[in-house]
Amino acid sequence: MPFVFSLLVLAFSVVTLIDIITRDEGQVKHLPKLVWMILAILLPIVGGIVWWAAGRVYAERPARAPRMAMPAPVRIVDDRRMDSRTTEQQLADLEREIEADRLRAEIARRKAERGEA
């Protein structure tokens, strides 16, 4: 068991030292980097805990929206409109639209032939 504890302390110390070394001076608080490294080497557990708690600057987290006690119920709205016409009525309407479009195109073609704008 002491072997496992020693490995954990060694791993914690190595990670702490790597973090101290890779930080910029502007990301280190309260003491210079060299003092933090000496502290982490001489007092591995205490120095590491103090480094992670007070020695480094953490990145800003984006602001979170405040939580509501209970979310509002979700209403599902069906935007599809029900067509009350029969299939035959719908087909007849489509045929009328096609015929109207054909007549408009014919009128535009004849105006173009005559030179009217």
PDB file of N, CA and C in Angstrom:
ATOM      1  N   MET A   1       0.811  -1.204   0.000  1.00  0.00           N
ATOM      2  CA  MET A   1       0.000   0.000   0.000  1.00  0.00           C
ATOM      3  C   MET A   1       0.861   1.277   0.000  1.00  0.00           C
ATOM      4  N   PRO A   2       1.946   1.314   0.751  1.00  0.00           N
ATOM      5  CA  PRO A   2       2.783   2.520   0.709  1.00  0.00           C
ATOM      6  C   PRO A   2       3.344   2.782  -0.683  1.00  0.00           C
ATOM      7  N   PHE A   3       3.541   1.714  -1.451  1.00  0.00           N
ATOM      8  CA  PHE A   3       4.055   1.862  -2.810  1.00  0.00           C
ATOM      9  C   PHE A   3       3.051   2.611  -3.691  1.00  0.00           C
ATOM     10  N   VAL A   4       1.763   2.272  -3.560  1.00  0.00           N
ATOM     11  CA  VAL A   4       0.714   2.934  -4.346  1.00  0.00           C
ATOM     12  C   VAL A   4       0.617   4.404  -3.955  1.00  0.00           C
ATOM     13  N   PHE A   5       0.672   4.687  -2.655  1.00  0.00           N
ATOM     14  CA  PHE A   5       0.612   6.075  -2.186  1.00  0.00           C
ATOM     15  C   PHE A   5       1.796   6.872  -2.726  1.00  0.00           C
ATOM     16  N   SER A   6       2.964   6.269  -2.708  1.00  0.00           N
ATOM     17  CA  SER A   6       4.159   6.957  -3.227  1.00  0.00           C
ATOM     18  C   SER A   6       4.031   7.252  -4.718  1.00  0.00           C
ATOM     19  N   LEU A   7       3.482   6.299  -5.465  1.00  0.00           N
ATOM     20  CA  LEU A   7       3.271   6.536  -6.904  1.00  0.00           C
ATOM     21  C   LEU A   7       2.263   7.656  -7.145  1.00  0.00           C
ATOM     22  N   LEU A   8       1.206   7.689  -6.339  1.00  0.00           N
ATOM     23  CA  LEU A   8       0.204   8.763  -6.488  1.00  0.00           C
ATOM     24  C   LEU A   8       0.815  10.129  -6.173  1.00  0.00           C
ATOM     25  N   VAL A   9       1.627  10.205  -5.109  1.00  0.00           N
ATOM     26  CA  VAL A   9       2.284  11.470  -4.752  1.00  0.00           C
ATOM     27  C   VAL A   9       3.248  11.884  -5.851  1.00  0.00           C
ATOM     28  N   LEU A  10       3.992  10.926  -6.392  1.00  0.00           N
ATOM     29  CA  LEU A  10       4.932  11.234  -7.473  1.00  0.00           C
ATOM     30  C   LEU A  10       4.189  11.730  -8.720  1.00  0.00           C
ATOM     31  N   ALA A  11       3.115  11.058  -9.082  1.00  0.00           N
ATOM     32  CA  ALA A  11       2.336  11.478 -10.255  1.00  0.00           C
ATOM     33  C   ALA A  11       1.736  12.872 -10.042  1.00  0.00           C
ATOM     34  N   PHE A  12       1.206  13.122  -8.840  1.00  0.00           N
ATOM     35  CA  PHE A  12       0.637  14.435  -8.529  1.00  0.00           C
ATOM     36  C   PHE A  12       1.712  15.515  -8.610  1.00  0.00           C
ATOM     37  N   SER A  13       2.893  15.214  -8.104  1.00  0.00           N
ATOM     38  CA  SER A  13       3.985  16.184  -8.134  1.00  0.00           C
ATOM     39  C   SER A  13       4.436  16.470  -9.559  1.00  0.00           C
ATOM     40  N   VAL A  14       4.533  15.437 -10.380  1.00  0.00           N
ATOM     41  CA  VAL A  14       4.956  15.623 -11.775  1.00  0.00           C
ATOM     42  C   VAL A  14       3.940  16.470 -12.534  1.00  0.00           C
ATOM     43  N   VAL A  15       2.659  16.159 -12.354  1.00  0.00           N
ATOM     44  CA  VAL A  15       1.613  16.935 -13.041  1.00  0.00           C
ATOM     45  C   VAL A  15       1.638  18.386 -12.575  1.00  0.00           C
ATOM     46  N   THR A  16       1.825  18.586 -11.273  1.00  0.00           N
ATOM     47  CA  THR A  16       1.895  19.948 -10.736  1.00  0.00           C
ATOM     48  C   THR A  16       3.096  20.701 -11.310  1.00  0.00           C
ATOM     49  N   LEU A  17       4.249  20.075 -11.343  1.00  0.00           N
ATOM     50  CA  LEU A  17       5.440  20.735 -11.891  1.00  0.00           C
ATOM     51  C   LEU A  17       5.281  21.053 -13.374  1.00  0.00           C
ATOM     52  N   ILE A  18       4.706  20.133 -14.124  1.00  0.00           N
ATOM     53  CA  ILE A  18       4.481  20.396 -15.550  1.00  0.00           C
ATOM     54  C   ILE A  18       3.536  21.577 -15.728  1.00  0.00           C
ATOM     55  N   ASP A  19       2.499  21.642 -14.906  1.00  0.00           N
ATOM     56  CA  ASP A  19       1.558  22.760 -15.012  1.00  0.00           C
ATOM     57  C   ASP A  19       2.238  24.080 -14.651  1.00  0.00           C
ATOM     58  N   ILE A  20       3.064  24.078 -13.623  1.00  0.00           N
ATOM     59  CA  ILE A  20       3.769  25.309 -13.232  1.00  0.00           C
ATOM     60  C   ILE A  20       4.721  25.752 -14.346  1.00  0.00           C
ATOM     61  N   ILE A  21       5.458  24.811 -14.910  1.00  0.00           N
ATOM     62  CA  ILE A  21       6.445  25.154 -15.942  1.00  0.00           C
ATOM     63  C   ILE A  21       5.783  25.671 -17.214  1.00  0.00           C
ATOM     64  N   THR A  22       4.649  25.101 -17.602  1.00  0.00           N
ATOM     65  CA  THR A  22       4.017  25.490 -18.868  1.00  0.00           C
ATOM     66  C   THR A  22       3.170  26.756 -18.755  1.00  0.00           C
ATOM     67  N   ARG A  23       2.946  27.246 -17.568  1.00  0.00           N
ATOM     68  CA  ARG A  23       2.174  28.489 -17.397  1.00  0.00           C
ATOM     69  C   ARG A  23       3.017  29.705 -17.753  1.00  0.00           C
ATOM     70  N   ASP A  24       2.350  30.726 -18.322  1.00  0.00           N
ATOM     71  CA  ASP A  24       3.013  32.016 -18.535  1.00  0.00           C
ATOM     72  C   ASP A  24       3.085  32.747 -17.204  1.00  0.00           C
ATOM     73  N   GLU A  25       3.977  33.722 -17.097  1.00  0.00           N
ATOM     74  CA  GLU A  25       4.094  34.495 -15.851  1.00  0.00           C
ATOM     75  C   GLU A  25       2.780  35.185 -15.499  1.00  0.00           C
ATOM     76  N   GLY A  26       2.034  35.575 -16.523  1.00  0.00           N
ATOM     77  CA  GLY A  26       0.766  36.262 -16.264  1.00  0.00           C
ATOM     78  C   GLY A  26      -0.319  35.344 -15.726  1.00  0.00           C
ATOM     79  N   GLN A  27      -0.112  34.044 -15.825  1.00  0.00           N
ATOM     80  CA  GLN A  27      -1.101  33.089 -15.337  1.00  0.00           C
ATOM     81  C   GLN A  27      -0.729  32.515 -13.975  1.00  0.00           C
ATOM     82  N   VAL A  28       0.283  33.083 -13.337  1.00  0.00           N
ATOM     83  CA  VAL A  28       0.729  32.619 -12.020  1.00  0.00           C
ATOM     84  C   VAL A  28       0.419  33.713 -11.012  1.00  0.00           C
ATOM     85  N   LYS A  29      -0.238  33.323  -9.914  1.00  0.00           N
ATOM     86  CA  LYS A  29      -0.632  34.306  -8.904  1.00  0.00           C
ATOM     87  C   LYS A  29       0.237  34.198  -7.652  1.00  0.00           C
ATOM     88  N   HIS A  30       0.366  35.284  -6.951  1.00  0.00           N
ATOM     89  CA  HIS A  30       0.934  35.412  -5.606  1.00  0.00           C
ATOM     90  C   HIS A  30       2.451  35.237  -5.502  1.00  0.00           C
ATOM     91  N   LEU A  31       3.062  34.299  -6.205  1.00  0.00           N
ATOM     92  CA  LEU A  31       4.506  34.067  -6.108  1.00  0.00           C
ATOM     93  C   LEU A  31       5.089  33.878  -7.506  1.00  0.00           C
ATOM     94  N   PRO A  32       6.403  34.076  -7.671  1.00  0.00           N
ATOM     95  CA  PRO A  32       7.030  33.780  -8.966  1.00  0.00           C
ATOM     96  C   PRO A  32       7.011  32.274  -9.248  1.00  0.00           C
ATOM     97  N   LYS A  33       7.161  31.943 -10.521  1.00  0.00           N
ATOM     98  CA  LYS A  33       7.127  30.532 -10.916  1.00  0.00           C
ATOM     99  C   LYS A  33       8.211  29.713 -10.222  1.00  0.00           C
ATOM    100  N   LEU A  34       9.400  30.271 -10.079  1.00  0.00           N
ATOM    101  CA  LEU A  34      10.494  29.541  -9.456  1.00  0.00           C
ATOM    102  C   LEU A  34      10.162  29.172  -8.006  1.00  0.00           C
ATOM    103  N   VAL A  35       9.550  30.084  -7.288  1.00  0.00           N
ATOM    104  CA  VAL A  35       9.168  29.803  -5.901  1.00  0.00           C
ATOM    105  C   VAL A  35       8.102  28.711  -5.859  1.00  0.00           C
ATOM    106  N   TRP A  36       7.162  28.752  -6.787  1.00  0.00           N
ATOM    107  CA  TRP A  36       6.141  27.698  -6.842  1.00  0.00           C
ATOM    108  C   TRP A  36       6.768  26.340  -7.144  1.00  0.00           C
ATOM    109  N   MET A  37       7.758  26.301  -8.050  1.00  0.00           N
ATOM    110  CA  MET A  37       8.419  25.024  -8.360  1.00  0.00           C
ATOM    111  C   MET A  37       9.168  24.488  -7.138  1.00  0.00           C
ATOM    112  N   ILE A  38       9.888  25.349  -6.431  1.00  0.00           N
ATOM    113  CA  ILE A  38      10.612  24.916  -5.230  1.00  0.00           C
ATOM    114  C   ILE A  38       9.633  24.401  -4.180  1.00  0.00           C
ATOM    115  N   LEU A  39       8.534  25.117  -4.005  1.00  0.00           N
ATOM    116  CA  LEU A  39       7.509  24.704  -3.038  1.00  0.00           C
ATOM    117  C   LEU A  39       6.917  23.353  -3.422  1.00  0.00           C
ATOM    118  N   ALA A  40       6.657  23.150  -4.702  1.00  0.00           N
ATOM    119  CA  ALA A  40       6.076  21.883  -5.161  1.00  0.00           C
ATOM    120  C   ALA A  40       7.074  20.736  -5.030  1.00  0.00           C
ATOM    121  N   ILE A  41       8.379  21.015  -5.116  1.00  0.00           N
ATOM    122  CA  ILE A  41       9.388  19.961  -4.986  1.00  0.00           C
ATOM    123  C   ILE A  41       9.641  19.628  -3.512  1.00  0.00           C
ATOM    124  N   LEU A  42       9.782  20.653  -2.674  1.00  0.00           N
ATOM    125  CA  LEU A  42      10.093  20.417  -1.263  1.00  0.00           C
ATOM    126  C   LEU A  42       8.894  19.878  -0.477  1.00  0.00           C
ATOM    127  N   LEU A  43       7.725  20.377  -0.752  1.00  0.00           N
ATOM    128  CA  LEU A  43       6.498  19.924  -0.080  1.00  0.00           C
ATOM    129  C   LEU A  43       5.529  19.421  -1.142  1.00  0.00           C
ATOM    130  N   PRO A  44       5.703  18.195  -1.632  1.00  0.00           N
ATOM    131  CA  PRO A  44       4.949  17.756  -2.805  1.00  0.00           C
ATOM    132  C   PRO A  44       3.432  17.800  -2.635  1.00  0.00           C
ATOM    133  N   ILE A  45       2.911  17.315  -1.545  1.00  0.00           N
ATOM    134  CA  ILE A  45       1.454  17.274  -1.387  1.00  0.00           C
ATOM    135  C   ILE A  45       0.910  18.662  -1.080  1.00  0.00           C
ATOM    136  N   VAL A  46       1.460  19.302  -0.064  1.00  0.00           N
ATOM    137  CA  VAL A  46       0.970  20.631   0.337  1.00  0.00           C
ATOM    138  C   VAL A  46       1.226  21.656  -0.762  1.00  0.00           C
ATOM    139  N   GLY A  47       2.419  21.634  -1.342  1.00  0.00           N
ATOM    140  CA  GLY A  47       2.739  22.587  -2.404  1.00  0.00           C
ATOM    141  C   GLY A  47       1.835  22.417  -3.618  1.00  0.00           C
ATOM    142  N   GLY A  48       1.554  21.172  -3.979  1.00  0.00           N
ATOM    143  CA  GLY A  48       0.661  20.921  -5.115  1.00  0.00           C
ATOM    144  C   GLY A  48      -0.765  21.382  -4.849  1.00  0.00           C
ATOM    145  N   ILE A  49      -1.242  21.088  -3.632  1.00  0.00           N
ATOM    146  CA  ILE A  49      -2.610  21.507  -3.290  1.00  0.00           C
ATOM    147  C   ILE A  49      -2.718  23.018  -3.282  1.00  0.00           C
ATOM    148  N   VAL A  50      -1.713  23.685  -2.697  1.00  0.00           N
ATOM    149  CA  VAL A  50      -1.739  25.160  -2.661  1.00  0.00           C
ATOM    150  C   VAL A  50      -1.632  25.720  -4.086  1.00  0.00           C
ATOM    151  N   TRP A  51      -0.804  25.113  -4.936  1.00  0.00           N
ATOM    152  CA  TRP A  51      -0.696  25.577  -6.320  1.00  0.00           C
ATOM    153  C   TRP A  51      -2.037  25.483  -7.038  1.00  0.00           C
ATOM    154  N   TRP A  52      -2.678  24.326  -6.971  1.00  0.00           N
ATOM    155  CA  TRP A  52      -3.936  24.131  -7.686  1.00  0.00           C
ATOM    156  C   TRP A  52      -5.057  24.983  -7.089  1.00  0.00           C
ATOM    157  N   ALA A  53      -4.985  25.285  -5.793  1.00  0.00           N
ATOM    158  CA  ALA A  53      -6.041  26.072  -5.159  1.00  0.00           C
ATOM    159  C   ALA A  53      -5.843  27.569  -5.332  1.00  0.00           C
ATOM    160  N   ALA A  54      -4.593  28.057  -5.216  1.00  0.00           N
ATOM    161  CA  ALA A  54      -4.397  29.504  -5.183  1.00  0.00           C
ATOM    162  C   ALA A  54      -3.328  30.027  -6.132  1.00  0.00           C
ATOM    163  N   GLY A  55      -2.526  29.180  -6.713  1.00  0.00           N
ATOM    164  CA  GLY A  55      -1.379  29.673  -7.463  1.00  0.00           C
ATOM    165  C   GLY A  55      -1.592  29.912  -8.933  1.00  0.00           C
ATOM    166  N   ARG A  56      -2.597  29.320  -9.503  1.00  0.00           N
ATOM    167  CA  ARG A  56      -2.767  29.442 -10.957  1.00  0.00           C
ATOM    168  C   ARG A  56      -4.037  30.219 -11.284  1.00  0.00           C
ATOM    169  N   VAL A  57      -4.042  30.809 -12.479  1.00  0.00           N
ATOM    170  CA  VAL A  57      -5.205  31.536 -12.970  1.00  0.00           C
ATOM    171  C   VAL A  57      -5.998  30.584 -13.862  1.00  0.00           C
ATOM    172  N   TYR A  58      -7.253  30.431 -13.560  1.00  0.00           N
ATOM    173  CA  TYR A  58      -8.113  29.567 -14.360  1.00  0.00           C
ATOM    174  C   TYR A  58      -8.805  30.389 -15.437  1.00  0.00           C
ATOM    175  N   ALA A  59      -9.116  29.749 -16.555  1.00  0.00           N
ATOM    176  CA  ALA A  59      -9.796  30.431 -17.656  1.00  0.00           C
ATOM    177  C   ALA A  59     -11.206  30.817 -17.226  1.00  0.00           C
ATOM    178  N   GLU A  60     -11.654  31.926 -17.781  1.00  0.00           N
ATOM    179  CA  GLU A  60     -13.006  32.382 -17.474  1.00  0.00           C
ATOM    180  C   GLU A  60     -14.028  31.431 -18.072  1.00  0.00           C
ATOM    181  N   ARG A  61     -15.022  31.102 -17.299  1.00  0.00           N
ATOM    182  CA  ARG A  61     -16.119  30.283 -17.806  1.00  0.00           C
ATOM    183  C   ARG A  61     -17.198  31.213 -18.343  1.00  0.00           C
ATOM    184  N   PRO A  62     -17.859  30.794 -19.409  1.00  0.00           N
ATOM    185  CA  PRO A  62     -18.960  31.625 -19.897  1.00  0.00           C
ATOM    186  C   PRO A  62     -20.101  31.636 -18.878  1.00  0.00           C
ATOM    187  N   ALA A  63     -20.769  32.764 -18.808  1.00  0.00           N
ATOM    188  CA  ALA A  63     -21.865  32.898 -17.855  1.00  0.00           C
ATOM    189  C   ALA A  63     -22.994  31.943 -18.213  1.00  0.00           C
ATOM    190  N   ARG A  64     -23.523  31.288 -17.201  1.00  0.00           N
ATOM    191  CA  ARG A  64     -24.632  30.362 -17.427  1.00  0.00           C
ATOM    192  C   ARG A  64     -25.938  31.070 -17.135  1.00  0.00           C
ATOM    193  N   ALA A  65     -26.933  30.694 -17.872  1.00  0.00           N
ATOM    194  CA  ALA A  65     -28.264  31.253 -17.638  1.00  0.00           C
ATOM    195  C   ALA A  65     -28.784  30.712 -16.314  1.00  0.00           C
ATOM    196  N   PRO A  66     -29.503  31.537 -15.563  1.00  0.00           N
ATOM    197  CA  PRO A  66     -30.032  31.045 -14.291  1.00  0.00           C
ATOM    198  C   PRO A  66     -31.035  29.918 -14.530  1.00  0.00           C
ATOM    199  N   ARG A  67     -30.997  28.956 -13.637  1.00  0.00           N
ATOM    200  CA  ARG A  67     -31.907  27.822 -13.758  1.00  0.00           C
ATOM    201  C   ARG A  67     -33.289  28.200 -13.274  1.00  0.00           C
ATOM    202  N   MET A  68     -34.252  27.687 -13.959  1.00  0.00           N
ATOM    203  CA  MET A  68     -35.629  27.902 -13.538  1.00  0.00           C
ATOM    204  C   MET A  68     -36.041  26.705 -12.699  1.00  0.00           C
ATOM    205  N   ALA A  69     -36.954  26.928 -11.771  1.00  0.00           N
ATOM    206  CA  ALA A  69     -37.380  25.845 -10.888  1.00  0.00           C
ATOM    207  C   ALA A  69     -38.027  24.720 -11.680  1.00  0.00           C
ATOM    208  N   MET A  70     -38.879  25.082 -12.633  1.00  0.00           N
ATOM    209  CA  MET A  70     -39.559  24.066 -13.415  1.00  0.00           C
ATOM    210  C   MET A  70     -39.686  24.574 -14.838  1.00  0.00           C
ATOM    211  N   PRO A  71     -39.275  23.787 -15.805  1.00  0.00           N
ATOM    212  CA  PRO A  71     -39.353  24.273 -17.181  1.00  0.00           C
ATOM    213  C   PRO A  71     -40.803  24.427 -17.635  1.00  0.00           C
ATOM    214  N   ALA A  72     -40.982  25.381 -18.527  1.00  0.00           N
ATOM    215  CA  ALA A  72     -42.324  25.617 -19.054  1.00  0.00           C
ATOM    216  C   ALA A  72     -42.736  24.436 -19.924  1.00  0.00           C
ATOM    217  N   PRO A  73     -44.001  24.107 -19.929  1.00  0.00           N
ATOM    218  CA  PRO A  73     -44.438  22.980 -20.765  1.00  0.00           C
ATOM    219  C   PRO A  73     -44.254  23.304 -22.242  1.00  0.00           C
ATOM    220  N   VAL A  74     -43.912  22.312 -22.994  1.00  0.00           N
ATOM    221  CA  VAL A  74     -43.674  22.478 -24.419  1.00  0.00           C
ATOM    222  C   VAL A  74     -44.969  22.209 -25.162  1.00  0.00           C
ATOM    223  N   ARG A  75     -45.341  23.175 -25.989  1.00  0.00           N
ATOM    224  CA  ARG A  75     -46.550  22.997 -26.786  1.00  0.00           C
ATOM    225  C   ARG A  75     -46.132  22.623 -28.197  1.00  0.00           C
ATOM    226  N   ILE A  76     -46.679  21.562 -28.677  1.00  0.00           N
ATOM    227  CA  ILE A  76     -46.390  21.123 -30.037  1.00  0.00           C
ATOM    228  C   ILE A  76     -47.480  21.676 -30.932  1.00  0.00           C
ATOM    229  N   VAL A  77     -47.050  22.490 -31.887  1.00  0.00           N
ATOM    230  CA  VAL A  77     -47.997  23.111 -32.795  1.00  0.00           C
ATOM    231  C   VAL A  77     -47.848  22.439 -34.154  1.00  0.00           C
ATOM    232  N   ASP A  78     -48.951  21.962 -34.673  1.00  0.00           N
ATOM    233  CA  ASP A  78     -48.942  21.331 -35.988  1.00  0.00           C
ATOM    234  C   ASP A  78     -49.317  22.400 -37.005  1.00  0.00           C
ATOM    235  N   ASP A  79     -48.337  22.819 -37.795  1.00  0.00           N
ATOM    236  CA  ASP A  79     -48.568  23.896 -38.759  1.00  0.00           C
ATOM    237  C   ASP A  79     -49.256  23.420 -40.029  1.00  0.00           C
ATOM    238  N   ARG A  80     -49.374  22.134 -40.197  1.00  0.00           N
ATOM    239  CA  ARG A  80     -50.022  21.638 -41.406  1.00  0.00           C
ATOM    240  C   ARG A  80     -51.524  21.922 -41.315  1.00  0.00           C
ATOM    241  N   ARG A  81     -52.032  22.538 -42.332  1.00  0.00           N
ATOM    242  CA  ARG A  81     -53.453  22.846 -42.367  1.00  0.00           C
ATOM    243  C   ARG A  81     -54.178  21.683 -43.043  1.00  0.00           C
ATOM    244  N   MET A  82     -55.253  21.303 -42.465  1.00  0.00           N
ATOM    245  CA  MET A  82     -56.038  20.219 -43.043  1.00  0.00           C
ATOM    246  C   MET A  82     -56.858  20.790 -44.197  1.00  0.00           C
ATOM    247  N   ASP A  83     -56.736  20.182 -45.339  1.00  0.00           N
ATOM    248  CA  ASP A  83     -57.466  20.618 -46.522  1.00  0.00           C
ATOM    249  C   ASP A  83     -58.776  19.851 -46.563  1.00  0.00           C
ATOM    250  N   SER A  84     -59.868  20.591 -46.552  1.00  0.00           N
ATOM    251  CA  SER A  84     -61.172  19.931 -46.502  1.00  0.00           C
ATOM    252  C   SER A  84     -61.672  19.536 -47.899  1.00  0.00           C
ATOM    253  N   ARG A  85     -60.925  19.879 -48.934  1.00  0.00           N
ATOM    254  CA  ARG A  85     -61.355  19.537 -50.290  1.00  0.00           C
ATOM    255  C   ARG A  85     -61.066  18.074 -50.591  1.00  0.00           C
ATOM    256  N   THR A  86     -61.858  17.518 -51.462  1.00  0.00           N
ATOM    257  CA  THR A  86     -61.621  16.141 -51.886  1.00  0.00           C
ATOM    258  C   THR A  86     -60.474  16.123 -52.888  1.00  0.00           C
ATOM    259  N   THR A  87     -59.983  14.961 -53.185  1.00  0.00           N
ATOM    260  CA  THR A  87     -58.886  14.819 -54.137  1.00  0.00           C
ATOM    261  C   THR A  87     -59.289  15.324 -55.512  1.00  0.00           C
ATOM    262  N   GLU A  88     -60.537  15.036 -55.916  1.00  0.00           N
ATOM    263  CA  GLU A  88     -61.009  15.496 -57.227  1.00  0.00           C
ATOM    264  C   GLU A  88     -61.035  17.020 -57.279  1.00  0.00           C
ATOM    265  N   GLN A  89     -61.465  17.670 -56.193  1.00  0.00           N
ATOM    266  CA  GLN A  89     -61.496  19.133 -56.165  1.00  0.00           C
ATOM    267  C   GLN A  89     -60.078  19.711 -56.218  1.00  0.00           C
ATOM    268  N   GLN A  90     -59.154  19.075 -55.502  1.00  0.00           N
ATOM    269  CA  GLN A  90     -57.770  19.544 -55.531  1.00  0.00           C
ATOM    270  C   GLN A  90     -57.170  19.409 -56.930  1.00  0.00           C
ATOM    271  N   LEU A  91     -57.449  18.276 -57.609  1.00  0.00           N
ATOM    272  CA  LEU A  91     -56.948  18.086 -58.975  1.00  0.00           C
ATOM    273  C   LEU A  91     -57.545  19.114 -59.935  1.00  0.00           C
ATOM    274  N   ALA A  92     -58.839  19.399 -59.769  1.00  0.00           N
ATOM    275  CA  ALA A  92     -59.486  20.394 -60.631  1.00  0.00           C
ATOM    276  C   ALA A  92     -58.864  21.773 -60.419  1.00  0.00           C
ATOM    277  N   ASP A  93     -58.575  22.118 -59.165  1.00  0.00           N
ATOM    278  CA  ASP A  93     -57.930  23.404 -58.880  1.00  0.00           C
ATOM    279  C   ASP A  93     -56.538  23.469 -59.499  1.00  0.00           C
ATOM    280  N   LEU A  94     -55.781  22.377 -59.401  1.00  0.00           N
ATOM    281  CA  LEU A  94     -54.448  22.346 -60.009  1.00  0.00           C
ATOM    282  C   LEU A  94     -54.518  22.505 -61.523  1.00  0.00           C
ATOM    283  N   GLU A  95     -55.498  21.844 -62.142  1.00  0.00           N
ATOM    284  CA  GLU A  95     -55.647  21.974 -63.599  1.00  0.00           C
ATOM    285  C   GLU A  95     -55.981  23.404 -63.970  1.00  0.00           C
ATOM    286  N   ARG A  96     -56.839  24.082 -63.196  1.00  0.00           N
ATOM    287  CA  ARG A  96     -57.160  25.489 -63.461  1.00  0.00           C
ATOM    288  C   ARG A  96     -55.911  26.363 -63.322  1.00  0.00           C
ATOM    289  N   GLU A  97     -55.076  26.106 -62.291  1.00  0.00           N
ATOM    290  CA  GLU A  97     -53.839  26.878 -62.113  1.00  0.00           C
ATOM    291  C   GLU A  97     -52.886  26.662 -63.281  1.00  0.00           C
ATOM    292  N   ILE A  98     -52.774  25.432 -63.744  1.00  0.00           N
ATOM    293  CA  ILE A  98     -51.891  25.129 -64.883  1.00  0.00           C
ATOM    294  C   ILE A  98     -52.380  25.846 -66.128  1.00  0.00           C
ATOM    295  N   GLU A  99     -53.687  25.812 -66.359  1.00  0.00           N
ATOM    296  CA  GLU A  99     -54.259  26.487 -67.530  1.00  0.00           C
ATOM    297  C   GLU A  99     -54.048  27.995 -67.439  1.00  0.00           C
ATOM    298  N   ALA A 100     -54.214  28.578 -66.237  1.00  0.00           N
ATOM    299  CA  ALA A 100     -54.011  30.019 -66.063  1.00  0.00           C
ATOM    300  C   ALA A 100     -52.554  30.388 -66.335  1.00  0.00           C
ATOM    301  N   ASP A 101     -51.614  29.578 -65.839  1.00  0.00           N
ATOM    302  CA  ASP A 101     -50.191  29.837 -66.100  1.00  0.00           C
ATOM    303  C   ASP A 101     -49.878  29.735 -67.594  1.00  0.00           C
ATOM    304  N   ARG A 102     -50.499  28.749 -68.262  1.00  0.00           N
ATOM    305  CA  ARG A 102     -50.266  28.583 -69.693  1.00  0.00           C
ATOM    306  C   ARG A 102     -50.785  29.800 -70.448  1.00  0.00           C
ATOM    307  N   LEU A 103     -51.982  30.305 -70.072  1.00  0.00           N
ATOM    308  CA  LEU A 103     -52.541  31.486 -70.736  1.00  0.00           C
ATOM    309  C   LEU A 103     -51.689  32.729 -70.485  1.00  0.00           C
ATOM    310  N   ARG A 104     -51.181  32.910 -69.268  1.00  0.00           N
ATOM    311  CA  ARG A 104     -50.316  34.053 -68.974  1.00  0.00           C
ATOM    312  C   ARG A 104     -49.047  33.997 -69.824  1.00  0.00           C
ATOM    313  N   ALA A 105     -48.475  32.808 -69.961  1.00  0.00           N
ATOM    314  CA  ALA A 105     -47.273  32.661 -70.777  1.00  0.00           C
ATOM    315  C   ALA A 105     -47.575  32.959 -72.242  1.00  0.00           C
ATOM    316  N   GLU A 106     -48.741  32.529 -72.719  1.00  0.00           N
ATOM    317  CA  GLU A 106     -49.127  32.793 -74.114  1.00  0.00           C
ATOM    318  C   GLU A 106     -49.302  34.289 -74.343  1.00  0.00           C
ATOM    319  N   ILE A 107     -49.946  34.974 -73.385  1.00  0.00           N
ATOM    320  CA  ILE A 107     -50.141  36.429 -73.510  1.00  0.00           C
ATOM    321  C   ILE A 107     -48.790  37.141 -73.522  1.00  0.00           C
ATOM    322  N   ALA A 108     -47.864  36.739 -72.638  1.00  0.00           N
ATOM    323  CA  ALA A 108     -46.545  37.365 -72.588  1.00  0.00           C
ATOM    324  C   ALA A 108     -45.785  37.116 -73.884  1.00  0.00           C
ATOM    325  N   ARG A 109     -45.920  35.918 -74.458  1.00  0.00           N
ATOM    326  CA  ARG A 109     -45.238  35.595 -75.716  1.00  0.00           C
ATOM    327  C   ARG A 109     -45.770  36.458 -76.864  1.00  0.00           C
ATOM    328  N   ARG A 110     -47.115  36.623 -76.922  1.00  0.00           N
ATOM    329  CA  ARG A 110     -47.714  37.416 -78.010  1.00  0.00           C
ATOM    330  C   ARG A 110     -47.332  38.892 -77.874  1.00  0.00           C
ATOM    331  N   LYS A 111     -47.266  39.395 -76.613  1.00  0.00           N
ATOM    332  CA  LYS A 111     -46.853  40.791 -76.420  1.00  0.00           C
ATOM    333  C   LYS A 111     -45.408  40.970 -76.864  1.00  0.00           C
ATOM    334  N   ALA A 112     -44.581  39.995 -76.573  1.00  0.00           N
ATOM    335  CA  ALA A 112     -43.173  40.071 -76.979  1.00  0.00           C
ATOM    336  C   ALA A 112     -43.051  40.052 -78.492  1.00  0.00           C
ATOM    337  N   GLU A 113     -43.918  39.281 -79.199  1.00  0.00           N
ATOM    338  CA  GLU A 113     -43.867  39.220 -80.653  1.00  0.00           C
ATOM    339  C   GLU A 113     -44.266  40.550 -81.275  1.00  0.00           C
ATOM    340  N   ARG A 114     -45.221  41.217 -80.650  1.00  0.00           N
ATOM    341  CA  ARG A 114     -45.682  42.488 -81.174  1.00  0.00           C
ATOM    342  C   ARG A 114     -44.766  43.650 -80.779  1.00  0.00           C
ATOM    343  N   GLY A 115     -43.861  43.403 -79.829  1.00  0.00           N
ATOM    344  CA  GLY A 115     -42.935  44.462 -79.414  1.00  0.00           C
ATOM    345  C   GLY A 115     -43.478  45.290 -78.278  1.00  0.00           C
ATOM    346  N   GLU A 116     -44.529  44.838 -77.652  1.00  0.00           N
ATOM    347  CA  GLU A 116     -45.076  45.596 -76.517  1.00  0.00           C
ATOM    348  C   GLU A 116     -44.262  45.231 -75.274  1.00  0.00           C
ATOM    349  N   ALA A 117     -44.207  46.190 -74.397  1.00  0.00           N
ATOM    350  CA  ALA A 117     -43.436  45.942 -73.169  1.00  0.00           C
ATOM    351  C   ALA A 117     -44.307  45.535 -72.037  1.00  0.00           C
TER     352      ALA A 117
END
